[in-house]
Amino acid sequence: MPELPEVETIARALKPELIGRTILSADLRWERTLAAPNAATFKQQIAGQKILNISRRAKYLVIQLNTCSFLIHLRMSGDLEIRKGTINPEKHDRLLLHLSDQHYLAFNDTRKFGRVWLTDQPQTVLGKLGPEPLEKNFTAAWLFKNLQTRKRFLKPLLLDQTFLAGLGNIYTDESLHLAQLHPQAASNNVTYEQAEALHKAIRSVLREGIRRNGASIDWVYRGGEYQNYFRVYGRTGNPCLVCGAIIKKFTVGQRGTHICPNCQRLR
């Protein structure tokens, strides 16, 4: 599933291509892609809307239109592609937006898990999300305080989008390794110094992920190279880049998890 750096990269790539264009019509090729409203209302309301801005909130793409917001969650295999000229739908295209100047935006999704919303109240979808880890309100003090009020393993808590927005399996594993914290450490036992290290690690790996245009591994996202710089994720059986111990993989909260057993000892 694309995480914060991949979605941020997509948003930045779409901006110069889409801002200022008008949506002429929508071709909904698989209705369950649409979370809200119903298909007839969606097609009626989106026609004639002008694209004013494109941003990201957590793992959601937010396309601001004249009178409403168009939200996209790519889930496991969703992808967005701008095409030009004659419309020639591909096998896994679930939604096509016909745009001005003979352009169109294709939402392609092999596994059919991706969802879109058209709403004039985006907070109904985004309102329960936690803070953005790269914004000012996410501080080491905030992290320490909120870790103390929960009694959960660190990794499942960091994956909880209502706690902190945008982290997924990859960047959580990478952050915990950089901070030298075990994914099964109890959140309420984390010291302030460890919270500071984790705060710094999260921001560092996300910024590096964005700088590398995200990671291209087990889904259809194109162009990222961060997978070439992973510390632990996907490196089972290889030596730790810090200490040389062999990277291990096990399951935490039903998620495959990668650690260095030496750097990330469970205390």
C-alpha atoms as a PDB file:
ATOM      1  CA  MET A   1       0.000   0.000   0.000  1.00  0.00           C
ATOM      2  CA  PRO A   2       1.373   3.441  -0.839  1.00  0.00           C
ATOM      3  CA  GLU A   3       2.316   5.386   2.255  1.00  0.00           C
ATOM      4  CA  LEU A   4       2.874   9.083   2.914  1.00  0.00           C
ATOM      5  CA  PRO A   5       5.987   9.534   0.704  1.00  0.00           C
ATOM      6  CA  GLU A   6       4.421   7.742  -2.275  1.00  0.00           C
ATOM      7  CA  VAL A   7       1.139   9.661  -2.037  1.00  0.00           C
ATOM      8  CA  GLU A   8       3.018  12.948  -1.588  1.00  0.00           C
ATOM      9  CA  THR A   9       5.081  12.157  -4.687  1.00  0.00           C
ATOM     10  CA  ILE A  10       1.939  11.447  -6.701  1.00  0.00           C
ATOM     11  CA  ALA A  11       0.296  14.679  -5.523  1.00  0.00           C
ATOM     12  CA  ARG A  12       3.339  16.718  -6.527  1.00  0.00           C
ATOM     13  CA  ALA A  13       3.457  15.053  -9.952  1.00  0.00           C
ATOM     14  CA  LEU A  14      -0.238  15.649 -10.636  1.00  0.00           C
ATOM     15  CA  LYS A  15      -0.273  19.328  -9.675  1.00  0.00           C
ATOM     16  CA  PRO A  16       1.258  20.880 -12.788  1.00  0.00           C
ATOM     17  CA  GLU A  17      -0.732  18.584 -15.054  1.00  0.00           C
ATOM     18  CA  LEU A  18      -4.169  18.970 -13.488  1.00  0.00           C
ATOM     19  CA  ILE A  19      -4.535  22.362 -11.803  1.00  0.00           C
ATOM     20  CA  GLY A  20      -6.657  24.644 -13.948  1.00  0.00           C
ATOM     21  CA  ARG A  21      -8.238  21.875 -15.992  1.00  0.00           C
ATOM     22  CA  THR A  22     -11.989  21.337 -16.065  1.00  0.00           C
ATOM     23  CA  ILE A  23     -13.611  17.952 -15.528  1.00  0.00           C
ATOM     24  CA  LEU A  24     -15.988  17.461 -18.438  1.00  0.00           C
ATOM     25  CA  SER A  25     -17.490  14.121 -17.415  1.00  0.00           C
ATOM     26  CA  ALA A  26     -16.836  10.918 -15.497  1.00  0.00           C
ATOM     27  CA  ASP A  27     -16.833   7.319 -16.712  1.00  0.00           C
ATOM     28  CA  LEU A  28     -17.332   5.102 -13.652  1.00  0.00           C
ATOM     29  CA  ARG A  29     -16.326   1.647 -14.820  1.00  0.00           C
ATOM     30  CA  TRP A  30     -16.640  -0.150 -11.463  1.00  0.00           C
ATOM     31  CA  GLU A  31     -19.232   1.379  -9.151  1.00  0.00           C
ATOM     32  CA  ARG A  32     -17.770   0.080  -5.882  1.00  0.00           C
ATOM     33  CA  THR A  33     -14.755   2.314  -6.451  1.00  0.00           C
ATOM     34  CA  LEU A  34     -17.107   5.139  -5.470  1.00  0.00           C
ATOM     35  CA  ALA A  35     -17.572   5.363  -1.695  1.00  0.00           C
ATOM     36  CA  ALA A  36     -19.877   8.414  -1.839  1.00  0.00           C
ATOM     37  CA  PRO A  37     -22.195   9.738  -3.183  1.00  0.00           C
ATOM     38  CA  ASN A  38     -24.166   7.380  -5.478  1.00  0.00           C
ATOM     39  CA  ALA A  39     -23.082   7.018  -9.095  1.00  0.00           C
ATOM     40  CA  ALA A  40     -25.758   9.247 -10.631  1.00  0.00           C
ATOM     41  CA  THR A  41     -25.098  12.091  -8.181  1.00  0.00           C
ATOM     42  CA  PHE A  42     -21.350  11.733  -8.589  1.00  0.00           C
ATOM     43  CA  LYS A  43     -21.498  12.032 -12.375  1.00  0.00           C
ATOM     44  CA  GLN A  44     -23.827  15.018 -12.196  1.00  0.00           C
ATOM     45  CA  GLN A  45     -21.882  16.916  -9.523  1.00  0.00           C
ATOM     46  CA  ILE A  46     -18.366  16.395 -10.850  1.00  0.00           C
ATOM     47  CA  ALA A  47     -19.125  17.509 -14.419  1.00  0.00           C
ATOM     48  CA  GLY A  48     -18.021  21.097 -14.990  1.00  0.00           C
ATOM     49  CA  GLN A  49     -15.858  21.294 -11.865  1.00  0.00           C
ATOM     50  CA  LYS A  50     -12.515  23.046 -12.187  1.00  0.00           C
ATOM     51  CA  ILE A  51      -9.441  21.612 -10.472  1.00  0.00           C
ATOM     52  CA  LEU A  52      -8.112  24.290  -8.105  1.00  0.00           C
ATOM     53  CA  ASN A  53      -5.509  22.449  -6.055  1.00  0.00           C
ATOM     54  CA  ILE A  54      -4.070  19.027  -5.241  1.00  0.00           C
ATOM     55  CA  SER A  55      -2.735  18.080  -1.829  1.00  0.00           C
ATOM     56  CA  ARG A  56      -2.340  15.126   0.501  1.00  0.00           C
ATOM     57  CA  ARG A  57      -3.788  14.248   3.901  1.00  0.00           C
ATOM     58  CA  ALA A  58      -2.314  11.096   5.396  1.00  0.00           C
ATOM     59  CA  LYS A  59      -2.608   8.500   2.587  1.00  0.00           C
ATOM     60  CA  TYR A  60      -5.434  10.374   0.847  1.00  0.00           C
ATOM     61  CA  LEU A  61      -5.072  12.513  -2.257  1.00  0.00           C
ATOM     62  CA  VAL A  62      -7.219  15.630  -1.931  1.00  0.00           C
ATOM     63  CA  ILE A  63      -8.274  17.299  -5.182  1.00  0.00           C
ATOM     64  CA  GLN A  64      -9.951  20.627  -4.462  1.00  0.00           C
ATOM     65  CA  LEU A  65     -12.701  21.541  -6.936  1.00  0.00           C
ATOM     66  CA  ASN A  66     -14.935  24.608  -7.285  1.00  0.00           C
ATOM     67  CA  THR A  67     -17.611  23.534  -4.840  1.00  0.00           C
ATOM     68  CA  CYS A  68     -16.364  20.301  -3.282  1.00  0.00           C
ATOM     69  CA  SER A  69     -13.428  17.989  -2.693  1.00  0.00           C
ATOM     70  CA  PHE A  70     -12.540  14.829  -4.594  1.00  0.00           C
ATOM     71  CA  LEU A  71     -10.738  12.387  -2.278  1.00  0.00           C
ATOM     72  CA  ILE A  72      -8.819   9.329  -3.427  1.00  0.00           C
ATOM     73  CA  HIS A  73      -7.399   6.481  -1.347  1.00  0.00           C
ATOM     74  CA  LEU A  74      -5.267   4.170  -3.484  1.00  0.00           C
ATOM     75  CA  ARG A  75      -5.280   1.286  -0.958  1.00  0.00           C
ATOM     76  CA  MET A  76      -3.292  -1.776  -2.109  1.00  0.00           C
ATOM     77  CA  SER A  77      -2.906  -1.355  -5.854  1.00  0.00           C
ATOM     78  CA  GLY A  78      -4.532   1.909  -6.916  1.00  0.00           C
ATOM     79  CA  ASP A  79      -2.692   4.142  -9.347  1.00  0.00           C
ATOM     80  CA  LEU A  80      -3.410   7.431 -11.113  1.00  0.00           C
ATOM     81  CA  GLU A  81      -2.287   8.219 -14.623  1.00  0.00           C
ATOM     82  CA  ILE A  82      -2.782  11.268 -16.823  1.00  0.00           C
ATOM     83  CA  ARG A  83      -3.367  10.308 -20.442  1.00  0.00           C
ATOM     84  CA  LYS A  84      -3.807  12.364 -23.572  1.00  0.00           C
ATOM     85  CA  GLY A  85      -5.686  12.038 -26.811  1.00  0.00           C
ATOM     86  CA  THR A  86      -8.244   9.407 -27.655  1.00  0.00           C
ATOM     87  CA  ILE A  87      -9.633   7.564 -24.648  1.00  0.00           C
ATOM     88  CA  ASN A  88      -8.686   3.903 -24.720  1.00  0.00           C
ATOM     89  CA  PRO A  89      -9.618   2.304 -21.361  1.00  0.00           C
ATOM     90  CA  GLU A  90      -7.244  -0.284 -19.973  1.00  0.00           C
ATOM     91  CA  LYS A  91      -8.254  -3.559 -18.340  1.00  0.00           C
ATOM     92  CA  HIS A  92      -8.097  -2.394 -14.727  1.00  0.00           C
ATOM     93  CA  ASP A  93      -9.321   1.192 -15.165  1.00  0.00           C
ATOM     94  CA  ARG A  94     -12.055   1.766 -12.570  1.00  0.00           C
ATOM     95  CA  LEU A  95     -12.722   5.478 -13.132  1.00  0.00           C
ATOM     96  CA  LEU A  96     -11.926   7.862 -15.970  1.00  0.00           C
ATOM     97  CA  LEU A  97     -12.290  11.628 -15.628  1.00  0.00           C
ATOM     98  CA  HIS A  98     -12.554  13.349 -18.991  1.00  0.00           C
ATOM     99  CA  LEU A  99     -10.702  16.674 -18.782  1.00  0.00           C
ATOM    100  CA  SER A 100     -10.358  19.766 -20.921  1.00  0.00           C
ATOM    101  CA  ASP A 101      -7.707  19.911 -23.683  1.00  0.00           C
ATOM    102  CA  GLN A 102      -8.123  16.224 -24.528  1.00  0.00           C
ATOM    103  CA  HIS A 103      -6.635  14.970 -21.285  1.00  0.00           C
ATOM    104  CA  TYR A 104      -8.095  12.441 -18.899  1.00  0.00           C
ATOM    105  CA  LEU A 105      -7.268  11.101 -15.479  1.00  0.00           C
ATOM    106  CA  ALA A 106      -7.406   7.322 -15.125  1.00  0.00           C
ATOM    107  CA  PHE A 107      -7.793   5.568 -11.777  1.00  0.00           C
ATOM    108  CA  ASN A 108      -6.420   2.086 -12.360  1.00  0.00           C
ATOM    109  CA  ASP A 109      -6.770  -0.498  -9.597  1.00  0.00           C
ATOM    110  CA  THR A 110      -5.977  -4.163 -10.131  1.00  0.00           C
ATOM    111  CA  ARG A 111      -7.245  -5.414  -6.767  1.00  0.00           C
ATOM    112  CA  LYS A 112     -10.304  -3.115  -6.604  1.00  0.00           C
ATOM    113  CA  PHE A 113      -9.609  -1.946  -3.031  1.00  0.00           C
ATOM    114  CA  GLY A 114      -9.161   1.753  -3.854  1.00  0.00           C
ATOM    115  CA  ARG A 115     -11.957   4.202  -3.089  1.00  0.00           C
ATOM    116  CA  VAL A 116     -12.967   7.748  -4.069  1.00  0.00           C
ATOM    117  CA  TRP A 117     -15.289  10.294  -2.456  1.00  0.00           C
ATOM    118  CA  LEU A 118     -16.879  13.471  -3.795  1.00  0.00           C
ATOM    119  CA  THR A 119     -17.949  15.632  -0.873  1.00  0.00           C
ATOM    120  CA  ASP A 120     -18.393  19.230   0.236  1.00  0.00           C
ATOM    121  CA  GLN A 121     -17.493  18.123   3.769  1.00  0.00           C
ATOM    122  CA  PRO A 122     -14.102  16.388   3.508  1.00  0.00           C
ATOM    123  CA  GLN A 123     -13.787  16.255   7.286  1.00  0.00           C
ATOM    124  CA  THR A 124     -16.420  13.525   7.320  1.00  0.00           C
ATOM    125  CA  VAL A 125     -13.731  11.337   5.728  1.00  0.00           C
ATOM    126  CA  LEU A 126     -10.545  12.941   7.055  1.00  0.00           C
ATOM    127  CA  GLY A 127     -11.653  14.231  10.443  1.00  0.00           C
ATOM    128  CA  LYS A 128     -10.570  11.253  12.550  1.00  0.00           C
ATOM    129  CA  LEU A 129      -7.002  11.196  11.263  1.00  0.00           C
ATOM    130  CA  GLY A 130      -4.119  11.942  13.591  1.00  0.00           C
ATOM    131  CA  PRO A 131      -1.553  14.702  13.062  1.00  0.00           C
ATOM    132  CA  GLU A 132       0.696  14.879  10.030  1.00  0.00           C
ATOM    133  CA  PRO A 133       4.189  13.719  11.059  1.00  0.00           C
ATOM    134  CA  LEU A 134       5.942  16.400   8.990  1.00  0.00           C
ATOM    135  CA  GLU A 135       3.923  19.328  10.322  1.00  0.00           C
ATOM    136  CA  LYS A 136       4.790  21.576  13.271  1.00  0.00           C
ATOM    137  CA  ASN A 137       2.106  20.247  15.595  1.00  0.00           C
ATOM    138  CA  PHE A 138       3.790  16.845  15.600  1.00  0.00           C
ATOM    139  CA  THR A 139       6.475  17.390  18.221  1.00  0.00           C
ATOM    140  CA  ALA A 140       8.544  15.110  20.433  1.00  0.00           C
ATOM    141  CA  ALA A 141       6.583  16.403  23.429  1.00  0.00           C
ATOM    142  CA  TRP A 142       3.267  15.546  21.739  1.00  0.00           C
ATOM    143  CA  LEU A 143       4.541  12.094  20.836  1.00  0.00           C
ATOM    144  CA  PHE A 144       5.788  11.333  24.352  1.00  0.00           C
ATOM    145  CA  LYS A 145       2.540  12.516  25.961  1.00  0.00           C
ATOM    146  CA  ASN A 146       0.369  10.483  23.622  1.00  0.00           C
ATOM    147  CA  LEU A 147       2.510   7.372  23.870  1.00  0.00           C
ATOM    148  CA  GLN A 148       2.136   7.516  27.640  1.00  0.00           C
ATOM    149  CA  THR A 149      -1.664   7.598  27.466  1.00  0.00           C
ATOM    150  CA  ARG A 150      -1.814   4.365  25.446  1.00  0.00           C
ATOM    151  CA  LYS A 151      -0.852   0.861  26.466  1.00  0.00           C
ATOM    152  CA  ARG A 152      -0.104  -0.707  23.108  1.00  0.00           C
ATOM    153  CA  PHE A 153       2.799  -2.172  21.186  1.00  0.00           C
ATOM    154  CA  LEU A 154       4.657   0.591  19.374  1.00  0.00           C
ATOM    155  CA  LYS A 155       4.232  -0.693  15.848  1.00  0.00           C
ATOM    156  CA  PRO A 156       0.446  -1.225  15.808  1.00  0.00           C
ATOM    157  CA  LEU A 157       0.023   2.174  17.461  1.00  0.00           C
ATOM    158  CA  LEU A 158       2.154   3.933  14.832  1.00  0.00           C
ATOM    159  CA  LEU A 159       0.142   2.201  12.113  1.00  0.00           C
ATOM    160  CA  ASP A 160      -3.110   3.487  13.635  1.00  0.00           C
ATOM    161  CA  GLN A 161      -4.102   6.385  11.362  1.00  0.00           C
ATOM    162  CA  THR A 162      -6.148   7.980  14.137  1.00  0.00           C
ATOM    163  CA  PHE A 163      -2.960   8.226  16.215  1.00  0.00           C
ATOM    164  CA  LEU A 164      -0.543   9.424  13.529  1.00  0.00           C
ATOM    165  CA  ALA A 165      -1.404   9.922   9.876  1.00  0.00           C
ATOM    166  CA  GLY A 166       0.490   8.487   6.926  1.00  0.00           C
ATOM    167  CA  LEU A 167       2.772   5.784   8.287  1.00  0.00           C
ATOM    168  CA  GLY A 168       2.459   2.253   6.927  1.00  0.00           C
ATOM    169  CA  ASN A 169       4.405  -0.958   7.270  1.00  0.00           C
ATOM    170  CA  ILE A 170       7.539   0.187   5.454  1.00  0.00           C
ATOM    171  CA  TYR A 171       8.179   3.524   7.119  1.00  0.00           C
ATOM    172  CA  THR A 172       7.194   2.258  10.568  1.00  0.00           C
ATOM    173  CA  ASP A 173       9.787  -0.530  10.402  1.00  0.00           C
ATOM    174  CA  GLU A 174      12.400   1.899   9.102  1.00  0.00           C
ATOM    175  CA  SER A 175      11.619   4.497  11.784  1.00  0.00           C
ATOM    176  CA  LEU A 176      11.730   2.019  14.648  1.00  0.00           C
ATOM    177  CA  HIS A 177      15.089   0.693  13.503  1.00  0.00           C
ATOM    178  CA  LEU A 178      16.557   4.168  13.181  1.00  0.00           C
ATOM    179  CA  ALA A 179      15.278   5.001  16.687  1.00  0.00           C
ATOM    180  CA  GLN A 180      16.551   1.629  18.010  1.00  0.00           C
ATOM    181  CA  LEU A 181      13.140   0.694  19.398  1.00  0.00           C
ATOM    182  CA  HIS A 182      11.523  -2.725  19.328  1.00  0.00           C
ATOM    183  CA  PRO A 183       8.114  -2.841  17.597  1.00  0.00           C
ATOM    184  CA  GLN A 184       6.675  -4.707  20.590  1.00  0.00           C
ATOM    185  CA  ALA A 185       7.886  -2.201  23.164  1.00  0.00           C
ATOM    186  CA  ALA A 186       5.010  -0.917  25.294  1.00  0.00           C
ATOM    187  CA  SER A 187       4.136   2.626  24.281  1.00  0.00           C
ATOM    188  CA  ASN A 188       3.613   3.777  27.871  1.00  0.00           C
ATOM    189  CA  ASN A 189       7.111   2.581  28.816  1.00  0.00           C
ATOM    190  CA  VAL A 190       8.873   4.751  26.230  1.00  0.00           C
ATOM    191  CA  THR A 191      11.080   7.382  27.872  1.00  0.00           C
ATOM    192  CA  TYR A 192      11.148  11.003  26.768  1.00  0.00           C
ATOM    193  CA  GLU A 193      14.588  10.477  25.232  1.00  0.00           C
ATOM    194  CA  GLN A 194      13.288   7.492  23.246  1.00  0.00           C
ATOM    195  CA  ALA A 195      10.270   9.517  22.123  1.00  0.00           C
ATOM    196  CA  GLU A 196      12.628  12.221  20.909  1.00  0.00           C
ATOM    197  CA  ALA A 197      14.634   9.639  18.969  1.00  0.00           C
ATOM    198  CA  LEU A 198      11.467   8.165  17.458  1.00  0.00           C
ATOM    199  CA  HIS A 199      10.134  11.603  16.523  1.00  0.00           C
ATOM    200  CA  LYS A 200      13.395  12.433  14.782  1.00  0.00           C
ATOM    201  CA  ALA A 201      13.507   9.027  13.049  1.00  0.00           C
ATOM    202  CA  ILE A 202       9.942   9.264  11.705  1.00  0.00           C
ATOM    203  CA  ARG A 203      10.544  12.680  10.188  1.00  0.00           C
ATOM    204  CA  SER A 204      13.922  11.618   8.812  1.00  0.00           C
ATOM    205  CA  VAL A 205      12.742   8.469   7.013  1.00  0.00           C
ATOM    206  CA  LEU A 206       9.651  10.193   5.612  1.00  0.00           C
ATOM    207  CA  ARG A 207      11.663  13.120   4.263  1.00  0.00           C
ATOM    208  CA  GLU A 208      14.179  10.749   2.724  1.00  0.00           C
ATOM    209  CA  GLY A 209      11.346   8.688   1.259  1.00  0.00           C
ATOM    210  CA  ILE A 210       9.880  11.795  -0.361  1.00  0.00           C
ATOM    211  CA  ARG A 211      13.313  12.845  -1.614  1.00  0.00           C
ATOM    212  CA  ARG A 212      13.640   9.414  -3.261  1.00  0.00           C
ATOM    213  CA  ASN A 213      10.095   9.642  -4.729  1.00  0.00           C
ATOM    214  CA  GLY A 214       8.899   6.860  -2.456  1.00  0.00           C
ATOM    215  CA  ALA A 215       9.517   3.132  -2.738  1.00  0.00           C
ATOM    216  CA  SER A 216       8.654   0.832  -5.640  1.00  0.00           C
ATOM    217  CA  ILE A 217       8.250  -2.719  -4.387  1.00  0.00           C
ATOM    218  CA  ASP A 218       5.073  -4.794  -4.139  1.00  0.00           C
ATOM    219  CA  TRP A 219       2.534  -2.608  -5.936  1.00  0.00           C
ATOM    220  CA  VAL A 220       2.108  -0.675  -9.151  1.00  0.00           C
ATOM    221  CA  TYR A 221       3.603   2.647  -8.041  1.00  0.00           C
ATOM    222  CA  ARG A 222       6.205   3.779 -10.538  1.00  0.00           C
ATOM    223  CA  GLY A 223       9.479   5.599 -10.238  1.00  0.00           C
ATOM    224  CA  GLY A 224      10.483   5.489  -6.576  1.00  0.00           C
ATOM    225  CA  GLU A 225      13.942   4.377  -5.497  1.00  0.00           C
ATOM    226  CA  TYR A 226      13.778   4.417  -1.700  1.00  0.00           C
ATOM    227  CA  GLN A 227      13.657   0.599  -1.692  1.00  0.00           C
ATOM    228  CA  ASN A 228      17.368   0.730  -2.543  1.00  0.00           C
ATOM    229  CA  TYR A 229      18.054   2.427   0.798  1.00  0.00           C
ATOM    230  CA  PHE A 230      15.974   0.364   3.236  1.00  0.00           C
ATOM    231  CA  ARG A 231      17.594  -0.292   6.593  1.00  0.00           C
ATOM    232  CA  VAL A 232      15.508  -3.341   7.566  1.00  0.00           C
ATOM    233  CA  TYR A 233      12.313  -3.615   5.522  1.00  0.00           C
ATOM    234  CA  GLY A 234      12.542  -6.488   3.025  1.00  0.00           C
ATOM    235  CA  ARG A 235      16.090  -7.295   4.134  1.00  0.00           C
ATOM    236  CA  THR A 236      15.389 -10.534   6.030  1.00  0.00           C
ATOM    237  CA  GLY A 237      18.559 -12.624   6.321  1.00  0.00           C
ATOM    238  CA  ASN A 238      20.856  -9.739   5.409  1.00  0.00           C
ATOM    239  CA  PRO A 239      23.255  -8.039   7.830  1.00  0.00           C
ATOM    240  CA  CYS A 240      22.172  -4.920   9.676  1.00  0.00           C
ATOM    241  CA  LEU A 241      23.819  -1.874   8.139  1.00  0.00           C
ATOM    242  CA  VAL A 242      24.619  -0.568  11.622  1.00  0.00           C
ATOM    243  CA  CYS A 243      25.914  -3.574  13.584  1.00  0.00           C
ATOM    244  CA  GLY A 244      26.046  -6.515  11.182  1.00  0.00           C
ATOM    245  CA  ALA A 245      23.499  -8.690  13.005  1.00  0.00           C
ATOM    246  CA  ILE A 246      21.121 -10.623  10.754  1.00  0.00           C
ATOM    247  CA  ILE A 247      17.788  -8.928  10.046  1.00  0.00           C
ATOM    248  CA  LYS A 248      14.834 -10.955  11.314  1.00  0.00           C
ATOM    249  CA  LYS A 249      11.194 -10.992  10.212  1.00  0.00           C
ATOM    250  CA  PHE A 250       8.227 -11.887  12.409  1.00  0.00           C
ATOM    251  CA  THR A 251       4.602 -10.871  12.823  1.00  0.00           C
ATOM    252  CA  VAL A 252       3.334  -8.013  14.972  1.00  0.00           C
ATOM    253  CA  GLY A 253      -0.343  -7.158  14.887  1.00  0.00           C
ATOM    254  CA  GLN A 254      -0.806  -9.380  11.807  1.00  0.00           C
ATOM    255  CA  ARG A 255       1.817  -7.395   9.910  1.00  0.00           C
ATOM    256  CA  GLY A 256       5.141  -8.677   8.665  1.00  0.00           C
ATOM    257  CA  THR A 257       7.791  -6.852  10.694  1.00  0.00           C
ATOM    258  CA  HIS A 258      11.526  -6.460  10.166  1.00  0.00           C
ATOM    259  CA  ILE A 259      14.040  -5.736  12.911  1.00  0.00           C
ATOM    260  CA  CYS A 260      17.660  -5.965  13.867  1.00  0.00           C
ATOM    261  CA  PRO A 261      17.634  -8.150  17.018  1.00  0.00           C
ATOM    262  CA  ASN A 262      20.759  -6.382  18.286  1.00  0.00           C
ATOM    263  CA  CYS A 263      19.913  -2.734  17.623  1.00  0.00           C
ATOM    264  CA  GLN A 264      16.266  -3.162  18.662  1.00  0.00           C
ATOM    265  CA  ARG A 265      16.348  -5.241  21.808  1.00  0.00           C
ATOM    266  CA  LEU A 266      13.114  -5.599  23.748  1.00  0.00           C
ATOM    267  CA  ARG A 267      13.810  -4.298  27.228  1.00  0.00           C
END
